[in-house]
C-alpha atoms as a PDB file:
ATOM      1  CA  MET A   1      11.353-284.860 126.638  1.00  0.00           C
ATOM      2  CA  THR A   2      14.451-284.430 128.894  1.00  0.00           C
ATOM      3  CA  LEU A   3      15.431-282.161 126.193  1.00  0.00           C
ATOM      4  CA  ILE A   4      12.703-280.287 126.227  1.00  0.00           C
ATOM      5  CA  LEU A   5      12.901-279.527 130.112  1.00  0.00           C
ATOM      6  CA  ILE A   6      16.718-279.228 129.342  1.00  0.00           C
ATOM      7  CA  VAL A   7      16.109-276.472 127.358  1.00  0.00           C
ATOM      8  CA  LEU A   8      13.162-274.482 129.300  1.00  0.00           C
ATOM      9  CA  LEU A   9      16.012-274.672 132.333  1.00  0.00           C
ATOM     10  CA  VAL A  10      18.943-273.600 130.315  1.00  0.00           C
ATOM     11  CA  ALA A  11      16.193-270.319 129.121  1.00  0.00           C
ATOM     12  CA  LEU A  12      15.406-269.688 132.265  1.00  0.00           C
ATOM     13  CA  ILE A  13      18.675-269.907 133.445  1.00  0.00           C
ATOM     14  CA  PHE A  14      19.836-266.690 130.720  1.00  0.00           C
ATOM     15  CA  GLU A  15      16.880-264.833 131.872  1.00  0.00           C
ATOM     16  CA  TYR A  16      18.581-264.748 135.336  1.00  0.00           C
ATOM     17  CA  ILE A  17      21.739-264.197 134.065  1.00  0.00           C
ATOM     18  CA  ASN A  18      20.270-261.254 132.105  1.00  0.00           C
ATOM     19  CA  GLY A  19      18.287-259.958 135.067  1.00  0.00           C
ATOM     20  CA  PHE A  20      21.960-259.441 137.171  1.00  0.00           C
ATOM     21  CA  HIS A  21      23.529-258.463 133.929  1.00  0.00           C
ATOM     22  CA  ASP A  22      21.572-255.965 132.791  1.00  0.00           C
ATOM     23  CA  THR A  23      19.375-255.049 135.410  1.00  0.00           C
ATOM     24  CA  ALA A  24      22.901-252.986 136.398  1.00  0.00           C
ATOM     25  CA  ASN A  25      22.045-250.679 133.308  1.00  0.00           C
ATOM     26  CA  ALA A  26      18.809-249.591 134.908  1.00  0.00           C
ATOM     27  CA  ILE A  27      19.966-248.352 137.670  1.00  0.00           C
ATOM     28  CA  ALA A  28      23.699-247.580 137.371  1.00  0.00           C
ATOM     29  CA  THR A  29      23.571-243.566 137.178  1.00  0.00           C
ATOM     30  CA  THR A  30      21.375-243.486 140.866  1.00  0.00           C
ATOM     31  CA  VAL A  31      23.982-245.175 142.617  1.00  0.00           C
ATOM     32  CA  SER A  32      27.107-243.279 141.100  1.00  0.00           C
ATOM     33  CA  THR A  33      24.900-239.684 141.895  1.00  0.00           C
ATOM     34  CA  LYS A  34      24.041-241.484 144.979  1.00  0.00           C
ATOM     35  CA  VAL A  35      20.195-241.089 144.927  1.00  0.00           C
ATOM     36  CA  LEU A  36      20.334-244.612 146.287  1.00  0.00           C
ATOM     37  CA  THR A  37      22.362-247.096 147.785  1.00  0.00           C
ATOM     38  CA  PRO A  38      23.029-250.293 145.461  1.00  0.00           C
ATOM     39  CA  ARG A  39      20.860-252.326 147.300  1.00  0.00           C
ATOM     40  CA  GLN A  40      17.932-249.945 146.949  1.00  0.00           C
ATOM     41  CA  ALA A  41      18.047-249.318 143.520  1.00  0.00           C
ATOM     42  CA  ILE A  42      18.331-253.268 142.710  1.00  0.00           C
ATOM     43  CA  VAL A  43      15.041-253.365 144.776  1.00  0.00           C
ATOM     44  CA  LEU A  44      13.525-250.531 142.723  1.00  0.00           C
ATOM     45  CA  SER A  45      14.292-252.400 139.623  1.00  0.00           C
ATOM     46  CA  THR A  46      13.353-255.343 140.808  1.00  0.00           C
ATOM     47  CA  VAL A  47       9.661-254.443 141.408  1.00  0.00           C
ATOM     48  CA  PHE A  48       9.416-252.477 138.102  1.00  0.00           C
ATOM     49  CA  ASN A  49      11.120-255.528 136.127  1.00  0.00           C
ATOM     50  CA  LEU A  50       8.423-257.933 137.377  1.00  0.00           C
ATOM     51  CA  LEU A  51       6.045-255.360 136.363  1.00  0.00           C
ATOM     52  CA  GLY A  52       7.061-254.454 133.076  1.00  0.00           C
ATOM     53  CA  ALA A  53       8.091-258.007 132.257  1.00  0.00           C
ATOM     54  CA  LEU A  54       4.525-258.596 132.319  1.00  0.00           C
ATOM     55  CA  THR A  55       3.145-256.624 130.227  1.00  0.00           C
ATOM     56  CA  GLY A  56       3.144-256.996 126.240  1.00  0.00           C
ATOM     57  CA  THR A  57       4.735-259.545 123.643  1.00  0.00           C
ATOM     58  CA  ALA A  58       5.669-258.187 120.394  1.00  0.00           C
ATOM     59  CA  VAL A  59       9.384-258.503 121.510  1.00  0.00           C
ATOM     60  CA  ALA A  60       8.698-262.224 122.666  1.00  0.00           C
ATOM     61  CA  THR A  61       7.087-262.549 118.704  1.00  0.00           C
ATOM     62  CA  THR A  62       9.768-261.328 116.811  1.00  0.00           C
ATOM     63  CA  ILE A  63      11.972-263.109 118.288  1.00  0.00           C
ATOM     64  CA  GLY A  64      10.319-266.547 118.338  1.00  0.00           C
ATOM     65  CA  GLN A  65       8.967-266.270 114.834  1.00  0.00           C
ATOM     66  CA  GLY A  66      10.038-263.533 112.926  1.00  0.00           C
ATOM     67  CA  LEU A  67      13.811-263.615 112.804  1.00  0.00           C
ATOM     68  CA  VAL A  68      14.773-267.652 111.311  1.00  0.00           C
ATOM     69  CA  ASP A  69      12.534-270.217 109.789  1.00  0.00           C
ATOM     70  CA  THR A  70      11.167-272.109 112.456  1.00  0.00           C
ATOM     71  CA  ARG A  71      10.657-275.206 110.420  1.00  0.00           C
ATOM     72  CA  PHE A  72      15.615-275.460 110.936  1.00  0.00           C
ATOM     73  CA  VAL A  73      14.781-274.576 114.617  1.00  0.00           C
ATOM     74  CA  SER A  74      14.913-277.553 116.810  1.00  0.00           C
ATOM     75  CA  ALA A  75      15.349-278.016 120.506  1.00  0.00           C
ATOM     76  CA  MET A  76      19.107-278.714 120.082  1.00  0.00           C
ATOM     77  CA  THR A  77      18.669-275.374 117.776  1.00  0.00           C
ATOM     78  CA  LEU A  78      17.763-273.581 120.994  1.00  0.00           C
ATOM     79  CA  LEU A  79      19.786-274.959 123.450  1.00  0.00           C
ATOM     80  CA  GLY A  80      22.945-274.139 121.368  1.00  0.00           C
ATOM     81  CA  ALA A  81      21.519-270.411 120.910  1.00  0.00           C
ATOM     82  CA  LEU A  82      21.153-270.229 124.938  1.00  0.00           C
ATOM     83  CA  LEU A  83      24.619-271.367 125.252  1.00  0.00           C
ATOM     84  CA  ALA A  84      26.015-269.154 123.366  1.00  0.00           C
ATOM     85  CA  ALA A  85      24.208-266.265 124.518  1.00  0.00           C
ATOM     86  CA  ILE A  86      24.686-267.644 128.270  1.00  0.00           C
ATOM     87  CA  ALA A  87      29.039-268.026 127.529  1.00  0.00           C
ATOM     88  CA  TRP A  88      28.628-263.812 126.138  1.00  0.00           C
ATOM     89  CA  ASN A  89      26.619-262.370 129.216  1.00  0.00           C
ATOM     90  CA  LEU A  90      29.411-264.376 131.631  1.00  0.00           C
ATOM     91  CA  LEU A  91      32.296-263.247 130.046  1.00  0.00           C
ATOM     92  CA  THR A  92      31.087-259.381 129.510  1.00  0.00           C
ATOM     93  CA  TRP A  93      29.628-259.008 133.108  1.00  0.00           C
ATOM     94  CA  TRP A  94      33.407-260.488 134.524  1.00  0.00           C
ATOM     95  CA  LEU A  95      34.999-258.171 132.262  1.00  0.00           C
ATOM     96  CA  GLY A  96      32.494-255.473 133.930  1.00  0.00           C
ATOM     97  CA  LEU A  97      31.549-254.932 129.771  1.00  0.00           C
ATOM     98  CA  PRO A  98      27.635-253.713 129.342  1.00  0.00           C
ATOM     99  CA  SER A  99      27.175-255.535 126.208  1.00  0.00           C
ATOM    100  CA  SER A 100      23.755-256.312 124.818  1.00  0.00           C
ATOM    101  CA  SER A 101      21.878-260.157 126.193  1.00  0.00           C
ATOM    102  CA  SER A 102      19.720-259.465 123.297  1.00  0.00           C
ATOM    103  CA  HIS A 103      22.066-259.540 120.428  1.00  0.00           C
ATOM    104  CA  ALA A 104      23.411-262.159 122.392  1.00  0.00           C
ATOM    105  CA  LEU A 105      20.516-264.406 122.158  1.00  0.00           C
ATOM    106  CA  ILE A 106      19.647-263.502 118.679  1.00  0.00           C
ATOM    107  CA  GLY A 107      23.100-264.501 117.580  1.00  0.00           C
ATOM    108  CA  GLY A 108      22.876-267.489 118.703  1.00  0.00           C
ATOM    109  CA  LEU A 109      20.099-268.122 117.566  1.00  0.00           C
ATOM    110  CA  CYS A 110      20.789-267.282 113.845  1.00  0.00           C
ATOM    111  CA  GLY A 111      24.410-269.002 114.587  1.00  0.00           C
ATOM    112  CA  ALA A 112      22.724-272.182 115.366  1.00  0.00           C
ATOM    113  CA  THR A 113      19.931-272.214 113.285  1.00  0.00           C
ATOM    114  CA  PHE A 114      22.375-271.067 110.204  1.00  0.00           C
ATOM    115  CA  ALA A 115      24.350-274.881 110.993  1.00  0.00           C
ATOM    116  CA  SER A 116      20.649-276.504 111.265  1.00  0.00           C
ATOM    117  CA  ALA A 117      20.041-275.850 107.804  1.00  0.00           C
ATOM    118  CA  GLY A 118      23.328-277.490 106.691  1.00  0.00           C
ATOM    119  CA  SER A 119      24.772-273.779 105.638  1.00  0.00           C
ATOM    120  CA  ASP A 120      21.621-271.837 104.122  1.00  0.00           C
ATOM    121  CA  TRP A 121      22.200-268.508 104.716  1.00  0.00           C
ATOM    122  CA  SER A 122      18.255-268.530 103.675  1.00  0.00           C
ATOM    123  CA  VAL A 123      17.087-269.658 106.647  1.00  0.00           C
ATOM    124  CA  ILE A 124      17.502-266.341 108.003  1.00  0.00           C
ATOM    125  CA  LYS A 125      14.995-263.619 108.053  1.00  0.00           C
ATOM    126  CA  TRP A 126      16.692-260.857 106.684  1.00  0.00           C
ATOM    127  CA  SER A 127      14.117-258.692 105.218  1.00  0.00           C
ATOM    128  CA  VAL A 128      10.730-259.766 104.782  1.00  0.00           C
ATOM    129  CA  MET A 129       7.672-258.027 104.534  1.00  0.00           C
ATOM    130  CA  ASN A 130       4.685-259.126 106.911  1.00  0.00           C
ATOM    131  CA  PRO A 131       1.837-259.763 104.716  1.00  0.00           C
ATOM    132  CA  ALA A 132      -1.038-259.202 107.384  1.00  0.00           C
ATOM    133  CA  THR A 133       0.629-255.881 108.776  1.00  0.00           C
ATOM    134  CA  HIS A 134       2.592-254.782 105.815  1.00  0.00           C
ATOM    135  CA  LYS A 135       5.075-253.790 107.497  1.00  0.00           C
ATOM    136  CA  LEU A 136       9.126-254.711 107.543  1.00  0.00           C
ATOM    137  CA  GLU A 137      10.322-257.978 109.536  1.00  0.00           C
ATOM    138  CA  GLY A 138      13.736-259.455 109.883  1.00  0.00           C
ATOM    139  CA  LEU A 139      17.039-259.276 111.117  1.00  0.00           C
ATOM    140  CA  TRP A 140      17.830-255.736 108.951  1.00  0.00           C
ATOM    141  CA  PRO A 141      14.872-254.129 109.711  1.00  0.00           C
ATOM    142  CA  LYS A 142      14.306-255.473 113.482  1.00  0.00           C
ATOM    143  CA  VAL A 143      17.658-256.022 114.685  1.00  0.00           C
ATOM    144  CA  VAL A 144      20.616-254.698 112.627  1.00  0.00           C
ATOM    145  CA  GLY A 145      19.256-251.043 111.427  1.00  0.00           C
ATOM    146  CA  PRO A 146      18.253-250.435 115.597  1.00  0.00           C
ATOM    147  CA  MET A 147      21.708-251.262 116.803  1.00  0.00           C
ATOM    148  CA  PHE A 148      23.011-248.628 115.049  1.00  0.00           C
ATOM    149  CA  LEU A 149      19.652-246.358 114.721  1.00  0.00           C
ATOM    150  CA  SER A 150      18.914-247.246 118.565  1.00  0.00           C
ATOM    151  CA  PRO A 151      22.608-245.423 120.601  1.00  0.00           C
ATOM    152  CA  ALA A 152      22.661-242.505 117.685  1.00  0.00           C
ATOM    153  CA  CYS A 153      19.356-241.637 119.175  1.00  0.00           C
ATOM    154  CA  GLY A 154      20.365-242.287 122.498  1.00  0.00           C
ATOM    155  CA  ILE A 155      23.430-239.420 122.155  1.00  0.00           C
ATOM    156  CA  ILE A 156      21.392-236.606 119.473  1.00  0.00           C
ATOM    157  CA  ILE A 157      17.975-237.178 122.457  1.00  0.00           C
ATOM    158  CA  GLY A 158      20.230-237.355 125.595  1.00  0.00           C
ATOM    159  CA  PHE A 159      22.084-234.010 124.610  1.00  0.00           C
ATOM    160  CA  ALA A 160      19.164-233.014 123.377  1.00  0.00           C
ATOM    161  CA  PHE A 161      16.980-233.100 126.692  1.00  0.00           C
ATOM    162  CA  MET A 162      20.551-232.243 128.900  1.00  0.00           C
ATOM    163  CA  ALA A 163      20.476-228.738 126.730  1.00  0.00           C
ATOM    164  CA  LEU A 164      17.531-228.053 127.268  1.00  0.00           C
ATOM    165  CA  LEU A 165      17.313-228.432 130.729  1.00  0.00           C
ATOM    166  CA  MET A 166      20.607-226.512 131.338  1.00  0.00           C
ATOM    167  CA  VAL A 167      18.542-223.674 129.107  1.00  0.00           C
ATOM    168  CA  LEU A 168      15.213-223.975 131.290  1.00  0.00           C
ATOM    169  CA  LEU A 169      17.418-224.132 134.845  1.00  0.00           C
ATOM    170  CA  ARG A 170      20.270-221.986 133.984  1.00  0.00           C
ATOM    171  CA  ASN A 171      19.830-219.786 137.064  1.00  0.00           C
ATOM    172  CA  TRP A 172      19.600-222.403 139.580  1.00  0.00           C
ATOM    173  CA  SER A 173      22.288-223.256 141.972  1.00  0.00           C
ATOM    174  CA  PRO A 174      24.122-226.602 141.248  1.00  0.00           C
ATOM    175  CA  HIS A 175      22.832-227.700 145.227  1.00  0.00           C
ATOM    176  CA  LEU A 176      19.268-226.662 144.609  1.00  0.00           C
ATOM    177  CA  THR A 177      19.058-229.010 140.719  1.00  0.00           C
ATOM    178  CA  LYS A 178      21.063-231.459 142.862  1.00  0.00           C
ATOM    179  CA  VAL A 179      18.435-232.205 145.230  1.00  0.00           C
ATOM    180  CA  VAL A 180      15.383-231.089 143.058  1.00  0.00           C
ATOM    181  CA  PHE A 181      16.385-233.761 140.958  1.00  0.00           C
ATOM    182  CA  GLY A 182      16.545-236.731 143.365  1.00  0.00           C
ATOM    183  CA  ARG A 183      13.213-237.694 143.717  1.00  0.00           C
ATOM    184  CA  PRO A 184      12.771-237.264 139.588  1.00  0.00           C
ATOM    185  CA  GLN A 185      15.254-239.263 138.888  1.00  0.00           C
ATOM    186  CA  LEU A 186      13.753-242.085 140.903  1.00  0.00           C
ATOM    187  CA  LEU A 187      10.988-242.064 138.950  1.00  0.00           C
ATOM    188  CA  SER A 188      13.085-241.814 135.654  1.00  0.00           C
ATOM    189  CA  ALA A 189      15.260-244.631 137.132  1.00  0.00           C
ATOM    190  CA  SER A 190      11.609-246.553 137.778  1.00  0.00           C
ATOM    191  CA  TRP A 191      10.250-246.110 134.425  1.00  0.00           C
ATOM    192  CA  MET A 192      14.149-247.288 132.679  1.00  0.00           C
ATOM    193  CA  SER A 193      13.604-250.554 134.767  1.00  0.00           C
ATOM    194  CA  PHE A 194       9.761-251.006 133.870  1.00  0.00           C
ATOM    195  CA  THR A 195      10.659-250.465 130.070  1.00  0.00           C
ATOM    196  CA  HIS A 196      13.915-253.047 130.727  1.00  0.00           C
ATOM    197  CA  GLY A 197      11.116-255.364 131.782  1.00  0.00           C
ATOM    198  CA  THR A 198       9.173-254.574 128.947  1.00  0.00           C
ATOM    199  CA  ASN A 199      11.920-255.628 126.371  1.00  0.00           C
ATOM    200  CA  ASP A 200      14.820-257.749 127.699  1.00  0.00           C
ATOM    201  CA  ALA A 201      12.125-260.931 129.342  1.00  0.00           C
ATOM    202  CA  GLN A 202      10.209-261.091 126.215  1.00  0.00           C
ATOM    203  CA  LYS A 203      12.977-262.710 124.359  1.00  0.00           C
ATOM    204  CA  THR A 204      13.653-265.498 126.749  1.00  0.00           C
ATOM    205  CA  MET A 205       9.533-265.723 126.673  1.00  0.00           C
ATOM    206  CA  GLY A 206      10.014-265.937 123.025  1.00  0.00           C
ATOM    207  CA  ILE A 207      12.124-268.511 123.030  1.00  0.00           C
ATOM    208  CA  ILE A 208      10.035-270.599 125.843  1.00  0.00           C
ATOM    209  CA  ALA A 209       7.183-270.506 123.513  1.00  0.00           C
ATOM    210  CA  LEU A 210       8.774-271.722 120.426  1.00  0.00           C
ATOM    211  CA  THR A 211      10.229-274.629 122.540  1.00  0.00           C
ATOM    212  CA  LEU A 212       6.643-275.612 123.312  1.00  0.00           C
ATOM    213  CA  PHE A 213       5.291-274.946 119.934  1.00  0.00           C
ATOM    214  CA  ILE A 214       8.294-277.107 118.431  1.00  0.00           C
ATOM    215  CA  ALA A 215       8.047-279.802 120.921  1.00  0.00           C
ATOM    216  CA  THR A 216       4.179-279.868 120.376  1.00  0.00           C
ATOM    217  CA  THR A 217       3.973-279.587 116.697  1.00  0.00           C
ATOM    218  CA  LYS A 218       7.467-280.786 115.407  1.00  0.00           C
ATOM    219  CA  THR A 219       8.085-284.105 117.510  1.00  0.00           C
ATOM    220  CA  ASN A 220       6.269-286.293 119.809  1.00  0.00           C
ATOM    221  CA  ALA A 221       8.121-285.442 122.965  1.00  0.00           C
ATOM    222  CA  PHE A 222       4.557-284.663 124.723  1.00  0.00           C
ATOM    223  CA  GLU A 223       2.861-287.630 123.401  1.00  0.00           C
ATOM    224  CA  HIS A 224       2.332-288.827 126.903  1.00  0.00           C
ATOM    225  CA  LEU A 225       2.774-285.952 128.851  1.00  0.00           C
ATOM    226  CA  PRO A 226       1.544-286.439 132.561  1.00  0.00           C
ATOM    227  CA  PRO A 227      -2.164-284.566 133.637  1.00  0.00           C
ATOM    228  CA  TRP A 228       0.751-281.700 135.605  1.00  0.00           C
ATOM    229  CA  LEU A 229       2.499-281.567 132.786  1.00  0.00           C
ATOM    230  CA  GLU A 230      -0.475-281.034 130.378  1.00  0.00           C
ATOM    231  CA  PHE A 231       0.124-276.909 130.405  1.00  0.00           C
ATOM    232  CA  LEU A 232       3.237-277.446 128.393  1.00  0.00           C
ATOM    233  CA  ARG A 233       1.264-278.743 125.267  1.00  0.00           C
ATOM    234  CA  ALA A 234       1.079-275.438 122.788  1.00  0.00           C
ATOM    235  CA  PRO A 235      -0.457-276.059 119.958  1.00  0.00           C
ATOM    236  CA  GLU A 236       0.224-272.540 118.360  1.00  0.00           C
ATOM    237  CA  PHE A 237       2.387-270.644 119.059  1.00  0.00           C
ATOM    238  CA  LYS A 238       1.268-268.179 121.540  1.00  0.00           C
ATOM    239  CA  VAL A 239       2.842-266.240 124.865  1.00  0.00           C
ATOM    240  CA  TYR A 240       0.725-268.021 127.382  1.00  0.00           C
ATOM    241  CA  ALA A 241       0.206-266.634 130.715  1.00  0.00           C
ATOM    242  CA  TRP A 242       2.642-268.974 132.667  1.00  0.00           C
ATOM    243  CA  ILE A 243       5.636-268.035 130.966  1.00  0.00           C
ATOM    244  CA  LYS A 244       5.042-264.334 131.534  1.00  0.00           C
ATOM    245  CA  VAL A 245       5.150-264.826 135.280  1.00  0.00           C
ATOM    246  CA  VAL A 246       7.849-267.130 135.352  1.00  0.00           C
ATOM    247  CA  CYS A 247      10.105-265.540 133.251  1.00  0.00           C
ATOM    248  CA  ALA A 248       9.330-261.992 135.077  1.00  0.00           C
ATOM    249  CA  LEU A 249       9.773-263.570 138.668  1.00  0.00           C
ATOM    250  CA  THR A 250      12.967-264.973 137.038  1.00  0.00           C
ATOM    251  CA  MET A 251      14.458-261.873 135.984  1.00  0.00           C
ATOM    252  CA  ALA A 252      13.242-260.365 139.050  1.00  0.00           C
ATOM    253  CA  ALA A 253      15.346-262.738 141.043  1.00  0.00           C
ATOM    254  CA  GLY A 254      18.437-261.986 138.885  1.00  0.00           C
ATOM    255  CA  THR A 255      17.747-258.229 139.328  1.00  0.00           C
ATOM    256  CA  ALA A 256      18.072-259.176 142.961  1.00  0.00           C
ATOM    257  CA  VAL A 257      21.472-259.959 143.020  1.00  0.00           C
ATOM    258  CA  GLY A 258      22.708-257.091 141.548  1.00  0.00           C
ATOM    259  CA  GLY A 259      25.604-256.529 138.680  1.00  0.00           C
ATOM    260  CA  TRP A 260      27.975-253.968 140.468  1.00  0.00           C
ATOM    261  CA  ARG A 261      30.565-254.659 138.232  1.00  0.00           C
ATOM    262  CA  ILE A 262      28.611-253.151 135.309  1.00  0.00           C
ATOM    263  CA  ILE A 263      27.305-250.212 137.512  1.00  0.00           C
ATOM    264  CA  ARG A 264      30.814-249.263 138.206  1.00  0.00           C
ATOM    265  CA  THR A 265      31.277-248.776 134.578  1.00  0.00           C
ATOM    266  CA  LEU A 266      28.559-247.279 133.684  1.00  0.00           C
ATOM    267  CA  GLY A 267      28.159-245.196 136.860  1.00  0.00           C
ATOM    268  CA  HIS A 268      31.776-244.037 137.172  1.00  0.00           C
ATOM    269  CA  LYS A 269      33.719-244.866 134.109  1.00  0.00           C
ATOM    270  CA  VAL A 270      31.752-243.011 131.777  1.00  0.00           C
ATOM    271  CA  VAL A 271      31.374-239.581 132.866  1.00  0.00           C
ATOM    272  CA  LYS A 272      30.527-237.986 136.116  1.00  0.00           C
ATOM    273  CA  MET A 273      27.416-237.019 136.812  1.00  0.00           C
ATOM    274  CA  GLN A 274      24.737-235.185 139.005  1.00  0.00           C
ATOM    275  CA  PRO A 275      21.169-236.633 139.700  1.00  0.00           C
ATOM    276  CA  ILE A 276      20.120-234.157 136.935  1.00  0.00           C
ATOM    277  CA  HIS A 277      22.555-235.489 134.473  1.00  0.00           C
ATOM    278  CA  GLY A 278      20.993-239.298 135.274  1.00  0.00           C
ATOM    279  CA  PHE A 279      17.639-237.979 135.220  1.00  0.00           C
ATOM    280  CA  ALA A 280      18.200-236.891 131.719  1.00  0.00           C
ATOM    281  CA  ALA A 281      20.185-239.831 130.003  1.00  0.00           C
ATOM    282  CA  GLN A 282      17.539-242.291 132.032  1.00  0.00           C
ATOM    283  CA  THR A 283      14.325-240.936 130.987  1.00  0.00           C
ATOM    284  CA  THR A 284      15.857-240.100 126.827  1.00  0.00           C
ATOM    285  CA  ALA A 285      16.723-244.271 126.791  1.00  0.00           C
ATOM    286  CA  ALA A 286      13.484-245.140 128.584  1.00  0.00           C
ATOM    287  CA  GLY A 287      11.725-243.313 125.699  1.00  0.00           C
ATOM    288  CA  ILE A 288      13.373-244.845 123.533  1.00  0.00           C
ATOM    289  CA  ILE A 289      13.048-248.234 124.654  1.00  0.00           C
ATOM    290  CA  GLN A 290       9.110-247.670 124.931  1.00  0.00           C
ATOM    291  CA  LEU A 291       9.157-246.921 121.771  1.00  0.00           C
ATOM    292  CA  ALA A 292      11.108-249.592 120.034  1.00  0.00           C
ATOM    293  CA  THR A 293       8.766-252.497 122.441  1.00  0.00           C
ATOM    294  CA  HIS A 294       5.360-250.938 121.121  1.00  0.00           C
ATOM    295  CA  TRP A 295       6.948-251.795 117.760  1.00  0.00           C
ATOM    296  CA  GLY A 296       8.399-255.499 118.344  1.00  0.00           C
ATOM    297  CA  ILE A 297      11.298-254.349 118.157  1.00  0.00           C
ATOM    298  CA  PRO A 298      14.098-256.283 120.434  1.00  0.00           C
ATOM    299  CA  LEU A 299      15.817-253.870 121.656  1.00  0.00           C
ATOM    300  CA  SER A 300      19.703-253.507 124.063  1.00  0.00           C
ATOM    301  CA  THR A 301      18.877-251.760 126.635  1.00  0.00           C
ATOM    302  CA  THR A 302      22.399-251.741 127.214  1.00  0.00           C
ATOM    303  CA  HIS A 303      23.321-249.447 123.787  1.00  0.00           C
ATOM    304  CA  VAL A 304      21.203-247.169 124.331  1.00  0.00           C
ATOM    305  CA  ILE A 305      21.133-246.042 128.296  1.00  0.00           C
ATOM    306  CA  SER A 306      24.827-246.047 127.714  1.00  0.00           C
ATOM    307  CA  ALA A 307      24.430-243.922 124.247  1.00  0.00           C
ATOM    308  CA  SER A 308      22.242-241.649 126.215  1.00  0.00           C
ATOM    309  CA  ILE A 309      24.908-240.983 129.023  1.00  0.00           C
ATOM    310  CA  MET A 310      27.321-240.505 126.748  1.00  0.00           C
ATOM    311  CA  GLY A 311      25.186-237.909 125.255  1.00  0.00           C
ATOM    312  CA  VAL A 312      24.241-236.309 128.361  1.00  0.00           C
ATOM    313  CA  GLY A 313      27.241-236.132 129.854  1.00  0.00           C
ATOM    314  CA  ALA A 314      28.939-234.384 126.180  1.00  0.00           C
ATOM    315  CA  THR A 315      26.983-231.044 127.745  1.00  0.00           C
ATOM    316  CA  LYS A 316      29.496-230.761 129.982  1.00  0.00           C
ATOM    317  CA  ARG A 317      32.011-230.757 127.404  1.00  0.00           C
ATOM    318  CA  LEU A 318      33.442-233.432 125.086  1.00  0.00           C
ATOM    319  CA  SER A 319      36.325-234.074 127.336  1.00  0.00           C
ATOM    320  CA  ALA A 320      34.275-234.933 130.434  1.00  0.00           C
ATOM    321  CA  VAL A 321      33.705-238.450 128.410  1.00  0.00           C
ATOM    322  CA  ARG A 322      35.906-240.940 128.910  1.00  0.00           C
ATOM    323  CA  TRP A 323      36.154-241.940 125.454  1.00  0.00           C
ATOM    324  CA  ARG A 324      38.518-244.391 125.961  1.00  0.00           C
ATOM    325  CA  MET A 325      35.817-246.454 127.953  1.00  0.00           C
ATOM    326  CA  MET A 326      33.355-245.584 125.575  1.00  0.00           C
ATOM    327  CA  GLY A 327      35.498-247.293 122.766  1.00  0.00           C
ATOM    328  CA  ARG A 328      35.924-250.769 124.829  1.00  0.00           C
ATOM    329  CA  MET A 329      31.939-250.455 125.321  1.00  0.00           C
ATOM    330  CA  VAL A 330      31.316-249.810 121.239  1.00  0.00           C
ATOM    331  CA  SER A 331      33.927-252.671 120.601  1.00  0.00           C
ATOM    332  CA  ALA A 332      31.739-255.083 122.860  1.00  0.00           C
ATOM    333  CA  TRP A 333      28.436-254.028 120.991  1.00  0.00           C
ATOM    334  CA  VAL A 334      30.176-254.388 117.371  1.00  0.00           C
ATOM    335  CA  ILE A 335      31.571-257.906 118.392  1.00  0.00           C
ATOM    336  CA  THR A 336      28.531-259.191 119.839  1.00  0.00           C
ATOM    337  CA  LEU A 337      26.225-260.488 116.984  1.00  0.00           C
ATOM    338  CA  PRO A 338      29.216-262.092 114.782  1.00  0.00           C
ATOM    339  CA  LEU A 339      30.986-263.919 117.369  1.00  0.00           C
ATOM    340  CA  THR A 340      27.679-265.207 119.291  1.00  0.00           C
ATOM    341  CA  LEU A 341      26.675-266.137 115.823  1.00  0.00           C
ATOM    342  CA  ALA A 342      29.237-268.248 115.430  1.00  0.00           C
ATOM    343  CA  MET A 343      29.178-269.357 119.199  1.00  0.00           C
ATOM    344  CA  GLY A 344      25.706-270.584 118.291  1.00  0.00           C
ATOM    345  CA  TYR A 345      26.807-272.224 115.191  1.00  0.00           C
ATOM    346  CA  GLY A 346      29.662-274.452 116.899  1.00  0.00           C
ATOM    347  CA  LEU A 347      28.077-275.359 119.860  1.00  0.00           C
ATOM    348  CA  MET A 348      24.720-276.821 117.075  1.00  0.00           C
END
């Protein structure tokens, strides 16, 4: 019982860190374009992250059941996965690198489960057909493929959307454009924060739901639950309403702390932006994340918004993008999954 409660606590710590680590991605452009102050942007993002986190469970189901063989998952496995993800998040936050919390958690989960199964690679669901939905699931179609496809879409769509705006508004003065697009950027920032909540918060929901399901069906941890803890019992894998609320509030609390290091990297060190650029980048990223959430894909908010910023910035001129900083970010993206897999394996 104690171990289960520790896993739940660590899962919420991960969700809290995810709040201040990844929320910066949603609001960085709003701050850098001076549409909102950091404090105002964090309040806005907190509210919409909370609303988004209360919506849907498709991504939670993918994390909880779609990536590894749950027969080899124990509470200790999940603890190892969460600790690996937390360690990676704190390291990249300290360095100011917008890496992916999603891939950190997925890598940790795969590595810890791989260790639990005695180093048997078949325990990871690489690519399987779901007989109920007739759709491909597993690490390749749900994680690895989107890991490369989503940034490519961010760059291409961000570039195309910004180019379209430039053509439509070519007769507008820079001052008019700046003034007019301040308010629309508030809408795009709100949508970006909402989609971040719908996708990122669900990952921890999936871990918690899986923890309770394992504790109820595979162990005797909940054999003598006191009446006031009966709500923890989960005879089936299900994201209960209380799990949604707790995860949503925890992410919102983390969001309220903010993440100035990553805001500075995304908002100032990649490309210099005006409100119209921020609007284009956030709208592009939010649309991609919303679509991925609908399909149950645990997408990296970091990858999508960073690539969208790069695509939008490239419409000025290629030299407007600080490619060296982008190189550091891409390096962090590429190594996140294998390194956290190794960390999860080692911790387990």
